[in-house]
């Protein structure tokens, strides 16, 4: 493991941001769970889709900002910021 950490630290891509051997070891030992990551991406996408639908309903006058924010589980201010970004 030490050899791998030294090799990573010595590489151009990792030498600047990861100058510490312990940090590199931690990264190498961290298990990547693809299924878990995919589920997190899907969940984020679903949440964005819900918020976009709520924004659309507010813009059409079918839902108040307060009700939409409540449904999204965020504050009215946060919902208004998301509306402004769209």
C-alpha atoms as a PDB file:
ATOM      1  CA  UNK A   1       0.000   0.000   0.000  1.00  0.00           C
ATOM      2  CA  UNK A   2       2.816   2.421   0.813  1.00  0.00           C
ATOM      3  CA  UNK A   3       4.329   1.799  -2.612  1.00  0.00           C
ATOM      4  CA  UNK A   4       1.047   2.626  -4.327  1.00  0.00           C
ATOM      5  CA  UNK A   5       0.586   5.772  -2.220  1.00  0.00           C
ATOM      6  CA  UNK A   6       4.146   6.956  -3.034  1.00  0.00           C
ATOM      7  CA  UNK A   7       3.553   6.266  -6.727  1.00  0.00           C
ATOM      8  CA  UNK A   8       0.278   8.242  -6.699  1.00  0.00           C
ATOM      9  CA  UNK A   9       1.843  11.164  -4.836  1.00  0.00           C
ATOM     10  CA  UNK A  10       4.697  11.181  -7.319  1.00  0.00           C
ATOM     11  CA  UNK A  11       2.405  11.365 -10.307  1.00  0.00           C
ATOM     12  CA  UNK A  12       1.788  14.754 -11.863  1.00  0.00           C
ATOM     13  CA  UNK A  13      -1.962  14.603 -11.399  1.00  0.00           C
ATOM     14  CA  UNK A  14      -1.899  13.821  -7.685  1.00  0.00           C
ATOM     15  CA  UNK A  15       1.282  15.458  -6.395  1.00  0.00           C
ATOM     16  CA  UNK A  16      -0.152  18.948  -5.998  1.00  0.00           C
ATOM     17  CA  UNK A  17      -3.630  18.318  -4.534  1.00  0.00           C
ATOM     18  CA  UNK A  18      -2.709  15.180  -2.575  1.00  0.00           C
ATOM     19  CA  UNK A  19       0.680  15.811  -1.041  1.00  0.00           C
ATOM     20  CA  UNK A  20      -0.069  13.720   2.039  1.00  0.00           C
ATOM     21  CA  UNK A  21       0.442   9.967   2.030  1.00  0.00           C
ATOM     22  CA  UNK A  22      -2.338   9.325   4.559  1.00  0.00           C
ATOM     23  CA  UNK A  23      -4.854  11.133   2.358  1.00  0.00           C
ATOM     24  CA  UNK A  24      -3.841   9.081  -0.678  1.00  0.00           C
ATOM     25  CA  UNK A  25      -4.073   5.846   1.323  1.00  0.00           C
ATOM     26  CA  UNK A  26      -7.550   6.823   2.472  1.00  0.00           C
ATOM     27  CA  UNK A  27      -8.641   7.419  -1.093  1.00  0.00           C
ATOM     28  CA  UNK A  28      -7.237   4.092  -2.230  1.00  0.00           C
ATOM     29  CA  UNK A  29      -8.982   2.237   0.584  1.00  0.00           C
ATOM     30  CA  UNK A  30     -12.360   3.885   0.041  1.00  0.00           C
ATOM     31  CA  UNK A  31     -14.688   1.445  -1.621  1.00  0.00           C
ATOM     32  CA  UNK A  32     -16.674   2.739  -4.568  1.00  0.00           C
ATOM     33  CA  UNK A  33     -20.186   1.382  -4.541  1.00  0.00           C
ATOM     34  CA  UNK A  34     -21.541   1.849  -8.064  1.00  0.00           C
ATOM     35  CA  UNK A  35     -25.091   0.771  -7.226  1.00  0.00           C
ATOM     36  CA  UNK A  36     -25.247   3.200  -4.313  1.00  0.00           C
ATOM     37  CA  UNK A  37     -23.906   6.050  -6.459  1.00  0.00           C
ATOM     38  CA  UNK A  38     -26.404   5.325  -9.225  1.00  0.00           C
ATOM     39  CA  UNK A  39     -29.257   5.378  -6.705  1.00  0.00           C
ATOM     40  CA  UNK A  40     -28.052   8.746  -5.389  1.00  0.00           C
ATOM     41  CA  UNK A  41     -27.955  10.132  -8.946  1.00  0.00           C
ATOM     42  CA  UNK A  42     -31.455   8.814  -9.631  1.00  0.00           C
ATOM     43  CA  UNK A  43     -32.774  10.272  -6.385  1.00  0.00           C
ATOM     44  CA  UNK A  44     -31.283  13.658  -7.244  1.00  0.00           C
ATOM     45  CA  UNK A  45     -32.832  13.515 -10.698  1.00  0.00           C
ATOM     46  CA  UNK A  46     -36.237  12.618  -9.316  1.00  0.00           C
ATOM     47  CA  UNK A  47     -36.037  15.478  -6.834  1.00  0.00           C
ATOM     48  CA  UNK A  48     -35.113  17.950  -9.575  1.00  0.00           C
ATOM     49  CA  UNK A  49     -37.996  16.652 -11.689  1.00  0.00           C
ATOM     50  CA  UNK A  50     -40.434  17.176  -8.839  1.00  0.00           C
ATOM     51  CA  UNK A  51     -39.190  20.715  -8.268  1.00  0.00           C
ATOM     52  CA  UNK A  52     -39.443  21.511 -11.986  1.00  0.00           C
ATOM     53  CA  UNK A  53     -43.027  20.241 -12.009  1.00  0.00           C
ATOM     54  CA  UNK A  54     -43.872  22.352  -8.949  1.00  0.00           C
ATOM     55  CA  UNK A  55     -42.304  25.418 -10.597  1.00  0.00           C
ATOM     56  CA  UNK A  56     -44.420  24.802 -13.682  1.00  0.00           C
ATOM     57  CA  UNK A  57     -47.589  24.558 -11.577  1.00  0.00           C
ATOM     58  CA  UNK A  58     -46.747  27.808  -9.782  1.00  0.00           C
ATOM     59  CA  UNK A  59     -46.074  29.595 -13.076  1.00  0.00           C
ATOM     60  CA  UNK A  60     -49.447  28.400 -14.399  1.00  0.00           C
ATOM     61  CA  UNK A  61     -51.155  29.723 -11.281  1.00  0.00           C
ATOM     62  CA  UNK A  62     -52.295  26.282 -10.166  1.00  0.00           C
ATOM     63  CA  UNK A  63     -50.204  26.227  -6.982  1.00  0.00           C
ATOM     64  CA  UNK A  64     -48.944  28.883  -4.581  1.00  0.00           C
ATOM     65  CA  UNK A  65     -45.247  29.309  -3.872  1.00  0.00           C
ATOM     66  CA  UNK A  66     -45.914  28.413  -0.239  1.00  0.00           C
ATOM     67  CA  UNK A  67     -47.668  25.161  -1.162  1.00  0.00           C
ATOM     68  CA  UNK A  68     -45.018  24.271  -3.722  1.00  0.00           C
ATOM     69  CA  UNK A  69     -42.226  24.940  -1.232  1.00  0.00           C
ATOM     70  CA  UNK A  70     -44.012  22.782   1.347  1.00  0.00           C
ATOM     71  CA  UNK A  71     -44.343  19.948  -1.176  1.00  0.00           C
ATOM     72  CA  UNK A  72     -40.655  20.264  -2.074  1.00  0.00           C
ATOM     73  CA  UNK A  73     -39.658  20.321   1.591  1.00  0.00           C
ATOM     74  CA  UNK A  74     -37.783  23.620   1.249  1.00  0.00           C
ATOM     75  CA  UNK A  75     -38.353  27.201   2.344  1.00  0.00           C
ATOM     76  CA  UNK A  76     -40.316  29.633   0.223  1.00  0.00           C
ATOM     77  CA  UNK A  77     -37.125  31.648  -0.292  1.00  0.00           C
ATOM     78  CA  UNK A  78     -35.250  28.578  -1.523  1.00  0.00           C
ATOM     79  CA  UNK A  79     -38.131  27.730  -3.863  1.00  0.00           C
ATOM     80  CA  UNK A  80     -38.196  31.282  -5.239  1.00  0.00           C
ATOM     81  CA  UNK A  81     -34.437  31.040  -5.858  1.00  0.00           C
ATOM     82  CA  UNK A  82     -34.938  27.808  -7.795  1.00  0.00           C
ATOM     83  CA  UNK A  83     -37.717  29.471  -9.811  1.00  0.00           C
ATOM     84  CA  UNK A  84     -35.441  32.400 -10.634  1.00  0.00           C
ATOM     85  CA  UNK A  85     -32.704  30.039 -11.791  1.00  0.00           C
ATOM     86  CA  UNK A  86     -35.050  28.342 -14.294  1.00  0.00           C
END
